[in-house]
Amino acid sequence: MVAEDVTEERHQRPGAEHPGVILLRQGAGLRRTNLLSTELAGFVSACDGELSVRQLVGALAALLGGDDDFDDDAFRAGLLSDVGNLVRDGFLLPTA
């Protein structure tokens, strides 16, 4: 689950299809800011406690993968590492 004090900030040029920068900000504590990748932004956006981490990572791998050069294992390991960092820093909270 996303901590209550966390907000997301997106920056994009007018007319751009996708944001160039996605930031996650803490409103309390150390007031950290974290630059998000596309997959990490997707994970955080869907992180409402309904799906497990494994389910979210699998869905993102299916959605963003598909290219011949896509390395599913590396994608999953990298995303899990990034998610762990967000938990460690207090952006995401583990659920029971």
C-alpha atoms as a PDB file:
ATOM      1  CA  MET A   1       0.000   0.000   0.000  1.00  0.00           C
ATOM      2  CA  VAL A   2       1.115   3.541  -0.672  1.00  0.00           C
ATOM      3  CA  ALA A   3       1.798   5.547   2.491  1.00  0.00           C
ATOM      4  CA  GLU A   4      -0.782   8.257   3.243  1.00  0.00           C
ATOM      5  CA  ASP A   5       1.718  11.121   2.915  1.00  0.00           C
ATOM      6  CA  VAL A   6       2.958  10.130  -0.558  1.00  0.00           C
ATOM      7  CA  THR A   7       2.007  12.021  -3.711  1.00  0.00           C
ATOM      8  CA  GLU A   8       2.891  11.555  -7.360  1.00  0.00           C
ATOM      9  CA  GLU A   9       4.065  14.332  -9.635  1.00  0.00           C
ATOM     10  CA  ARG A  10       4.230  14.057 -13.438  1.00  0.00           C
ATOM     11  CA  HIS A  11       5.969  16.414 -15.830  1.00  0.00           C
ATOM     12  CA  GLN A  12       5.440  16.443 -19.569  1.00  0.00           C
ATOM     13  CA  ARG A  13       5.715  18.826 -22.442  1.00  0.00           C
ATOM     14  CA  PRO A  14       2.406  20.185 -23.756  1.00  0.00           C
ATOM     15  CA  GLY A  15       1.053  17.775 -26.328  1.00  0.00           C
ATOM     16  CA  ALA A  16       3.373  14.952 -25.269  1.00  0.00           C
ATOM     17  CA  GLU A  17       1.788  11.511 -25.148  1.00  0.00           C
ATOM     18  CA  HIS A  18       3.661  10.391 -22.035  1.00  0.00           C
ATOM     19  CA  PRO A  19       5.284  12.170 -19.098  1.00  0.00           C
ATOM     20  CA  GLY A  20       9.037  12.626 -19.267  1.00  0.00           C
ATOM     21  CA  VAL A  21       9.434  12.562 -15.486  1.00  0.00           C
ATOM     22  CA  ILE A  22       7.393  10.837 -12.776  1.00  0.00           C
ATOM     23  CA  LEU A  23       8.281  11.663  -9.170  1.00  0.00           C
ATOM     24  CA  LEU A  24       7.065  10.176  -5.918  1.00  0.00           C
ATOM     25  CA  ARG A  25       7.200  12.565  -2.965  1.00  0.00           C
ATOM     26  CA  GLN A  26       6.903  12.040   0.773  1.00  0.00           C
ATOM     27  CA  GLY A  27       4.984  14.737   2.604  1.00  0.00           C
ATOM     28  CA  ALA A  28       6.222  13.767   6.074  1.00  0.00           C
ATOM     29  CA  GLY A  29       9.289  12.236   7.660  1.00  0.00           C
ATOM     30  CA  LEU A  30      12.415  12.867   5.635  1.00  0.00           C
ATOM     31  CA  ARG A  31      10.376  14.258   2.710  1.00  0.00           C
ATOM     32  CA  ARG A  32      12.219  12.116   0.175  1.00  0.00           C
ATOM     33  CA  THR A  33      11.665  12.306  -3.572  1.00  0.00           C
ATOM     34  CA  ASN A  34      12.071   9.289  -5.832  1.00  0.00           C
ATOM     35  CA  LEU A  35      12.328   9.303  -9.642  1.00  0.00           C
ATOM     36  CA  LEU A  36      10.183   6.472 -11.023  1.00  0.00           C
ATOM     37  CA  SER A  37      10.640   4.310 -14.091  1.00  0.00           C
ATOM     38  CA  THR A  38       7.578   3.437 -16.169  1.00  0.00           C
ATOM     39  CA  GLU A  39       7.269   0.016 -14.564  1.00  0.00           C
ATOM     40  CA  LEU A  40       7.734   1.325 -11.033  1.00  0.00           C
ATOM     41  CA  ALA A  41       5.142   4.067 -11.624  1.00  0.00           C
ATOM     42  CA  GLY A  42       2.742   1.387 -12.871  1.00  0.00           C
ATOM     43  CA  PHE A  43       3.408  -0.717  -9.779  1.00  0.00           C
ATOM     44  CA  VAL A  44       2.819   2.175  -7.373  1.00  0.00           C
ATOM     45  CA  SER A  45      -0.348   3.238  -9.208  1.00  0.00           C
ATOM     46  CA  ALA A  46      -1.808  -0.257  -8.815  1.00  0.00           C
ATOM     47  CA  CYS A  47      -0.505  -0.816  -5.283  1.00  0.00           C
ATOM     48  CA  ASP A  48      -3.772  -0.579  -3.351  1.00  0.00           C
ATOM     49  CA  GLY A  49      -3.601  -3.843  -1.417  1.00  0.00           C
ATOM     50  CA  GLU A  50      -5.934  -5.774  -3.743  1.00  0.00           C
ATOM     51  CA  LEU A  51      -3.174  -7.656  -5.609  1.00  0.00           C
ATOM     52  CA  SER A  52       0.011  -9.213  -4.293  1.00  0.00           C
ATOM     53  CA  VAL A  53       3.449  -7.974  -5.287  1.00  0.00           C
ATOM     54  CA  ARG A  54       3.892 -11.137  -7.372  1.00  0.00           C
ATOM     55  CA  GLN A  55       0.620 -10.486  -9.233  1.00  0.00           C
ATOM     56  CA  LEU A  56       1.506  -6.849  -9.935  1.00  0.00           C
ATOM     57  CA  VAL A  57       4.997  -7.708 -11.180  1.00  0.00           C
ATOM     58  CA  GLY A  58       3.587 -10.462 -13.403  1.00  0.00           C
ATOM     59  CA  ALA A  59       0.975  -8.141 -14.885  1.00  0.00           C
ATOM     60  CA  LEU A  60       3.564  -5.445 -15.599  1.00  0.00           C
ATOM     61  CA  ALA A  61       5.925  -7.991 -17.192  1.00  0.00           C
ATOM     62  CA  ALA A  62       3.088  -9.153 -19.455  1.00  0.00           C
ATOM     63  CA  LEU A  63       2.082  -5.585 -20.308  1.00  0.00           C
ATOM     64  CA  LEU A  64       5.540  -4.108 -20.912  1.00  0.00           C
ATOM     65  CA  GLY A  65       7.347  -7.202 -22.205  1.00  0.00           C
ATOM     66  CA  GLY A  66       6.815  -8.999 -25.442  1.00  0.00           C
ATOM     67  CA  ASP A  67       9.865  -7.874 -27.382  1.00  0.00           C
ATOM     68  CA  ASP A  68      12.330 -10.544 -28.476  1.00  0.00           C
ATOM     69  CA  ASP A  69      15.062  -8.884 -26.438  1.00  0.00           C
ATOM     70  CA  PHE A  70      12.917  -8.544 -23.269  1.00  0.00           C
ATOM     71  CA  ASP A  71      14.592 -10.294 -20.332  1.00  0.00           C
ATOM     72  CA  ASP A  72      11.722 -11.332 -18.066  1.00  0.00           C
ATOM     73  CA  ASP A  73      13.958 -12.463 -15.197  1.00  0.00           C
ATOM     74  CA  ALA A  74      15.994  -9.243 -15.205  1.00  0.00           C
ATOM     75  CA  PHE A  75      12.807  -7.151 -15.424  1.00  0.00           C
ATOM     76  CA  ARG A  76      11.236  -8.909 -12.441  1.00  0.00           C
ATOM     77  CA  ALA A  77      14.435  -8.783 -10.353  1.00  0.00           C
ATOM     78  CA  GLY A  78      14.950  -5.075 -11.074  1.00  0.00           C
ATOM     79  CA  LEU A  79      11.356  -4.183 -10.287  1.00  0.00           C
ATOM     80  CA  LEU A  80      11.383  -6.189  -7.056  1.00  0.00           C
ATOM     81  CA  SER A  81      14.585  -4.436  -6.003  1.00  0.00           C
ATOM     82  CA  ASP A  82      13.048  -1.024  -6.711  1.00  0.00           C
ATOM     83  CA  VAL A  83       9.882  -1.953  -4.805  1.00  0.00           C
ATOM     84  CA  GLY A  84      12.005  -3.070  -1.859  1.00  0.00           C
ATOM     85  CA  ASN A  85      13.739   0.308  -1.851  1.00  0.00           C
ATOM     86  CA  LEU A  86      10.371   2.106  -1.764  1.00  0.00           C
ATOM     87  CA  VAL A  87       9.300  -0.037   1.201  1.00  0.00           C
ATOM     88  CA  ARG A  88      12.604   0.606   2.984  1.00  0.00           C
ATOM     89  CA  ASP A  89      12.246   4.373   2.455  1.00  0.00           C
ATOM     90  CA  GLY A  90       8.624   4.466   3.637  1.00  0.00           C
ATOM     91  CA  PHE A  91       6.887   5.232   0.316  1.00  0.00           C
ATOM     92  CA  LEU A  92       5.147   1.844   0.350  1.00  0.00           C
ATOM     93  CA  LEU A  93       3.848   0.013   3.391  1.00  0.00           C
ATOM     94  CA  PRO A  94       3.690  -3.780   3.668  1.00  0.00           C
ATOM     95  CA  THR A  95       0.205  -5.228   4.166  1.00  0.00           C
ATOM     96  CA  ALA A  96      -0.763  -8.070   6.457  1.00  0.00           C
END
